[in-house]
Amino acid sequence: KAIHWFKEHNVDFTFHNTKAEAISKEKIQSWCTQVGWEKLLNKKGTTFRKLHPAVQMNATTEAAAIEIMNERQSTIKRPIIEKNNKIITVGFDEKKYEIAYL
């Protein structure tokens, strides 16, 4: 949805494919500082739900969440939209895109 929205509104963007190139632990930490680990860790996603129950139950602190997201990057909620290294939104939010880019 996000890619389609940016193309439809002629907004230049860079797509980062986490399957091909991992996100650094430092970047994940920066995102946590900006929006909180609770918003970034996708506990409803398939990857998180397939984790061992002990790992899931340990996801109660920022440090633990960062380790999980760093080791299993599919647990990071997407898309994360940044502008000038600042998060605009986590997840698809057309209204926030309009405010930031139109």
N, C-alpha and C. Protein backbone atom coordinates (compact mmCIF):
# COMPACT_ATOMS: atom_id res chain seq x y z
N LYS A 1 0.82 -1.20 0.00
CA LYS A 1 0.00 0.00 0.00
C LYS A 1 0.86 1.26 0.00
N ALA A 2 1.91 1.25 0.82
CA ALA A 2 2.77 2.44 0.93
C ALA A 2 3.46 2.73 -0.40
N ILE A 3 4.03 1.70 -1.01
CA ILE A 3 4.72 1.90 -2.30
C ILE A 3 3.74 2.44 -3.33
N HIS A 4 2.57 1.87 -3.38
CA HIS A 4 1.55 2.33 -4.32
C HIS A 4 1.20 3.79 -4.05
N TRP A 5 1.04 4.16 -2.78
CA TRP A 5 0.68 5.54 -2.42
C TRP A 5 1.77 6.50 -2.89
N PHE A 6 3.05 6.18 -2.62
CA PHE A 6 4.14 7.06 -3.01
C PHE A 6 4.22 7.21 -4.53
N LYS A 7 4.07 6.11 -5.24
CA LYS A 7 4.09 6.19 -6.71
C LYS A 7 2.92 7.00 -7.23
N GLU A 8 1.75 6.76 -6.70
CA GLU A 8 0.54 7.45 -7.13
C GLU A 8 0.64 8.97 -6.92
N HIS A 9 1.37 9.38 -5.87
CA HIS A 9 1.50 10.80 -5.55
C HIS A 9 2.85 11.38 -5.99
N ASN A 10 3.57 10.64 -6.84
CA ASN A 10 4.85 11.08 -7.38
C ASN A 10 5.83 11.54 -6.30
N VAL A 11 5.91 10.78 -5.24
CA VAL A 11 6.83 11.07 -4.15
C VAL A 11 8.03 10.14 -4.30
N ASP A 12 9.23 10.74 -4.38
CA ASP A 12 10.44 9.93 -4.45
C ASP A 12 10.63 9.20 -3.12
N PHE A 13 11.04 7.95 -3.20
CA PHE A 13 11.27 7.16 -1.99
C PHE A 13 12.33 6.11 -2.25
N THR A 14 12.90 5.61 -1.18
CA THR A 14 13.84 4.51 -1.26
C THR A 14 13.24 3.35 -0.49
N PHE A 15 13.15 2.22 -1.14
CA PHE A 15 12.61 1.01 -0.51
C PHE A 15 13.78 0.20 0.03
N HIS A 16 13.70 -0.16 1.30
CA HIS A 16 14.73 -0.99 1.91
C HIS A 16 14.16 -2.39 2.10
N ASN A 17 14.70 -3.34 1.38
CA ASN A 17 14.24 -4.72 1.46
C ASN A 17 15.01 -5.44 2.57
N THR A 18 14.36 -5.65 3.70
CA THR A 18 15.03 -6.27 4.84
C THR A 18 15.38 -7.73 4.58
N LYS A 19 14.75 -8.35 3.60
CA LYS A 19 15.09 -9.74 3.27
C LYS A 19 16.46 -9.80 2.59
N ALA A 20 16.81 -8.73 1.86
CA ALA A 20 18.08 -8.69 1.13
C ALA A 20 19.19 -8.02 1.94
N GLU A 21 18.82 -7.03 2.75
CA GLU A 21 19.81 -6.29 3.53
C GLU A 21 19.22 -5.96 4.90
N ALA A 22 19.86 -6.49 5.93
CA ALA A 22 19.36 -6.31 7.29
C ALA A 22 19.44 -4.86 7.74
N ILE A 23 18.59 -4.53 8.69
CA ILE A 23 18.61 -3.23 9.34
C ILE A 23 19.56 -3.35 10.53
N SER A 24 20.38 -2.35 10.73
CA SER A 24 21.36 -2.42 11.82
C SER A 24 20.67 -2.34 13.18
N LYS A 25 21.33 -2.92 14.16
CA LYS A 25 20.83 -2.86 15.53
C LYS A 25 20.74 -1.40 16.00
N GLU A 26 21.69 -0.59 15.57
CA GLU A 26 21.68 0.83 15.93
C GLU A 26 20.45 1.54 15.37
N LYS A 27 20.06 1.18 14.16
CA LYS A 27 18.87 1.79 13.54
C LYS A 27 17.62 1.36 14.31
N ILE A 28 17.55 0.09 14.68
CA ILE A 28 16.41 -0.39 15.46
C ILE A 28 16.35 0.34 16.79
N GLN A 29 17.49 0.55 17.42
CA GLN A 29 17.53 1.29 18.68
C GLN A 29 17.05 2.73 18.48
N SER A 30 17.47 3.35 17.39
CA SER A 30 17.04 4.71 17.09
C SER A 30 15.53 4.78 16.91
N TRP A 31 14.99 3.80 16.19
CA TRP A 31 13.54 3.76 16.01
C TRP A 31 12.82 3.60 17.34
N CYS A 32 13.35 2.74 18.20
CA CYS A 32 12.74 2.55 19.53
C CYS A 32 12.75 3.84 20.33
N THR A 33 13.83 4.59 20.23
CA THR A 33 13.91 5.88 20.92
C THR A 33 12.83 6.83 20.40
N GLN A 34 12.57 6.77 19.10
CA GLN A 34 11.61 7.69 18.49
C GLN A 34 10.16 7.33 18.79
N VAL A 35 9.82 6.04 18.68
CA VAL A 35 8.40 5.67 18.78
C VAL A 35 8.09 4.62 19.84
N GLY A 36 9.13 4.08 20.46
CA GLY A 36 8.90 3.04 21.47
C GLY A 36 8.92 1.65 20.88
N TRP A 37 9.51 0.73 21.63
CA TRP A 37 9.63 -0.65 21.13
C TRP A 37 8.28 -1.33 21.00
N GLU A 38 7.33 -0.93 21.83
CA GLU A 38 6.01 -1.57 21.79
C GLU A 38 5.32 -1.35 20.45
N LYS A 39 5.59 -0.22 19.82
CA LYS A 39 4.99 0.07 18.51
C LYS A 39 5.72 -0.66 17.38
N LEU A 40 7.00 -0.90 17.57
CA LEU A 40 7.81 -1.54 16.52
C LEU A 40 7.70 -3.05 16.49
N LEU A 41 7.64 -3.67 17.65
CA LEU A 41 7.60 -5.13 17.71
C LEU A 41 6.20 -5.62 17.36
N ASN A 42 6.10 -6.33 16.25
CA ASN A 42 4.81 -6.78 15.76
C ASN A 42 4.45 -8.12 16.41
N LYS A 43 3.81 -8.04 17.57
CA LYS A 43 3.45 -9.26 18.31
C LYS A 43 2.29 -10.01 17.65
N LYS A 44 1.60 -9.37 16.73
CA LYS A 44 0.48 -10.03 16.06
C LYS A 44 0.91 -10.76 14.79
N GLY A 45 2.14 -10.53 14.37
CA GLY A 45 2.63 -11.13 13.13
C GLY A 45 2.96 -12.60 13.27
N THR A 46 2.99 -13.28 12.16
CA THR A 46 3.28 -14.71 12.11
C THR A 46 4.65 -15.04 12.70
N THR A 47 5.65 -14.25 12.36
CA THR A 47 7.01 -14.54 12.84
C THR A 47 7.06 -14.53 14.36
N PHE A 48 6.47 -13.53 14.98
CA PHE A 48 6.49 -13.45 16.44
C PHE A 48 5.71 -14.62 17.04
N ARG A 49 4.55 -14.91 16.48
CA ARG A 49 3.72 -15.99 17.03
C ARG A 49 4.39 -17.36 16.91
N LYS A 50 5.32 -17.52 15.97
CA LYS A 50 6.02 -18.79 15.81
C LYS A 50 7.24 -18.91 16.73
N LEU A 51 7.59 -17.82 17.42
CA LEU A 51 8.73 -17.89 18.34
C LEU A 51 8.40 -18.79 19.51
N HIS A 52 9.44 -19.33 20.12
CA HIS A 52 9.26 -20.15 21.31
C HIS A 52 8.53 -19.32 22.37
N PRO A 53 7.59 -19.90 23.09
CA PRO A 53 6.85 -19.15 24.11
C PRO A 53 7.74 -18.43 25.12
N ALA A 54 8.87 -19.00 25.46
CA ALA A 54 9.79 -18.34 26.41
C ALA A 54 10.33 -17.05 25.82
N VAL A 55 10.62 -17.04 24.52
CA VAL A 55 11.10 -15.83 23.85
C VAL A 55 9.99 -14.79 23.81
N GLN A 56 8.78 -15.22 23.47
CA GLN A 56 7.64 -14.30 23.45
C GLN A 56 7.42 -13.66 24.82
N MET A 57 7.46 -14.48 25.86
CA MET A 57 7.21 -13.97 27.20
C MET A 57 8.32 -13.04 27.68
N ASN A 58 9.51 -13.17 27.11
CA ASN A 58 10.64 -12.32 27.48
C ASN A 58 10.56 -10.94 26.83
N ALA A 59 9.66 -10.76 25.90
CA ALA A 59 9.55 -9.48 25.18
C ALA A 59 8.80 -8.46 26.03
N THR A 60 9.41 -8.09 27.14
CA THR A 60 8.77 -7.15 28.07
C THR A 60 9.60 -5.91 28.32
N THR A 61 10.79 -5.85 27.72
CA THR A 61 11.65 -4.68 27.87
C THR A 61 12.16 -4.25 26.50
N GLU A 62 12.62 -3.03 26.44
CA GLU A 62 13.18 -2.53 25.18
C GLU A 62 14.38 -3.36 24.75
N ALA A 63 15.27 -3.67 25.68
CA ALA A 63 16.46 -4.44 25.34
C ALA A 63 16.10 -5.81 24.76
N ALA A 64 15.15 -6.49 25.38
CA ALA A 64 14.73 -7.80 24.88
C ALA A 64 14.07 -7.68 23.51
N ALA A 65 13.24 -6.67 23.35
CA ALA A 65 12.55 -6.46 22.07
C ALA A 65 13.56 -6.16 20.96
N ILE A 66 14.55 -5.34 21.26
CA ILE A 66 15.57 -5.01 20.26
C ILE A 66 16.31 -6.27 19.84
N GLU A 67 16.64 -7.13 20.78
CA GLU A 67 17.32 -8.38 20.44
C GLU A 67 16.45 -9.24 19.53
N ILE A 68 15.19 -9.35 19.85
CA ILE A 68 14.27 -10.14 19.02
C ILE A 68 14.18 -9.55 17.62
N MET A 69 13.99 -8.23 17.53
CA MET A 69 13.86 -7.58 16.22
C MET A 69 15.16 -7.65 15.42
N ASN A 70 16.29 -7.58 16.11
CA ASN A 70 17.57 -7.65 15.43
C ASN A 70 17.82 -9.06 14.89
N GLU A 71 17.47 -10.08 15.66
CA GLU A 71 17.70 -11.46 15.24
C GLU A 71 16.66 -11.95 14.22
N ARG A 72 15.44 -11.45 14.34
CA ARG A 72 14.34 -11.87 13.46
C ARG A 72 13.64 -10.62 12.94
N GLN A 73 14.19 -10.04 11.89
CA GLN A 73 13.73 -8.73 11.44
C GLN A 73 12.31 -8.74 10.89
N SER A 74 11.77 -9.90 10.64
CA SER A 74 10.37 -9.97 10.23
C SER A 74 9.41 -9.65 11.37
N THR A 75 9.95 -9.54 12.58
CA THR A 75 9.10 -9.15 13.72
C THR A 75 8.93 -7.64 13.82
N ILE A 76 9.60 -6.88 12.96
CA ILE A 76 9.46 -5.42 12.95
C ILE A 76 8.22 -5.06 12.16
N LYS A 77 7.36 -4.26 12.76
CA LYS A 77 6.14 -3.82 12.06
C LYS A 77 6.54 -2.96 10.87
N ARG A 78 5.86 -3.16 9.77
CA ARG A 78 6.15 -2.44 8.54
C ARG A 78 4.88 -1.89 7.93
N PRO A 79 5.02 -0.91 7.07
CA PRO A 79 6.24 -0.20 6.72
C PRO A 79 6.60 0.85 7.78
N ILE A 80 7.86 1.14 7.85
CA ILE A 80 8.34 2.26 8.65
C ILE A 80 8.71 3.34 7.66
N ILE A 81 8.05 4.47 7.77
CA ILE A 81 8.28 5.58 6.84
C ILE A 81 9.10 6.64 7.57
N GLU A 82 10.25 6.95 6.99
CA GLU A 82 11.15 7.95 7.56
C GLU A 82 11.32 9.11 6.58
N LYS A 83 11.52 10.27 7.15
CA LYS A 83 11.89 11.45 6.37
C LYS A 83 12.97 12.15 7.18
N ASN A 84 14.15 12.33 6.57
CA ASN A 84 15.28 12.95 7.26
C ASN A 84 15.63 12.21 8.56
N ASN A 85 15.60 10.88 8.49
CA ASN A 85 15.93 10.01 9.63
C ASN A 85 14.95 10.12 10.81
N LYS A 86 13.81 10.69 10.58
CA LYS A 86 12.77 10.77 11.61
C LYS A 86 11.57 9.95 11.14
N ILE A 87 11.04 9.14 12.03
CA ILE A 87 9.89 8.31 11.66
C ILE A 87 8.65 9.18 11.49
N ILE A 88 8.01 9.02 10.35
CA ILE A 88 6.74 9.68 10.08
C ILE A 88 5.62 8.82 10.63
N THR A 89 5.70 7.52 10.35
CA THR A 89 4.69 6.59 10.83
C THR A 89 5.20 5.15 10.76
N VAL A 90 4.62 4.32 11.60
CA VAL A 90 4.85 2.88 11.55
C VAL A 90 3.52 2.27 11.12
N GLY A 91 3.54 1.54 10.02
CA GLY A 91 2.30 1.03 9.45
C GLY A 91 1.77 2.01 8.42
N PHE A 92 0.83 1.56 7.64
CA PHE A 92 0.27 2.40 6.59
C PHE A 92 -0.69 3.42 7.21
N ASP A 93 -0.41 4.71 6.96
CA ASP A 93 -1.26 5.78 7.47
C ASP A 93 -1.29 6.91 6.45
N GLU A 94 -2.27 6.84 5.56
CA GLU A 94 -2.37 7.77 4.45
C GLU A 94 -2.41 9.24 4.91
N LYS A 95 -3.12 9.52 5.99
CA LYS A 95 -3.21 10.90 6.47
C LYS A 95 -1.85 11.45 6.88
N LYS A 96 -1.04 10.63 7.56
CA LYS A 96 0.30 11.08 7.95
C LYS A 96 1.20 11.24 6.74
N TYR A 97 1.02 10.39 5.73
CA TYR A 97 1.79 10.54 4.49
C TYR A 97 1.45 11.88 3.84
N GLU A 98 0.17 12.20 3.79
CA GLU A 98 -0.26 13.46 3.17
C GLU A 98 0.33 14.66 3.90
N ILE A 99 0.33 14.62 5.22
CA ILE A 99 0.89 15.74 6.00
C ILE A 99 2.38 15.89 5.73
N ALA A 100 3.09 14.80 5.66
CA ALA A 100 4.54 14.85 5.50
C ALA A 100 5.00 15.12 4.08
N TYR A 101 4.22 14.70 3.07
CA TYR A 101 4.72 14.72 1.72
C TYR A 101 3.92 15.56 0.72
N LEU A 102 2.74 15.97 1.07
CA LEU A 102 1.95 16.74 0.08
C LEU A 102 1.79 18.19 0.49
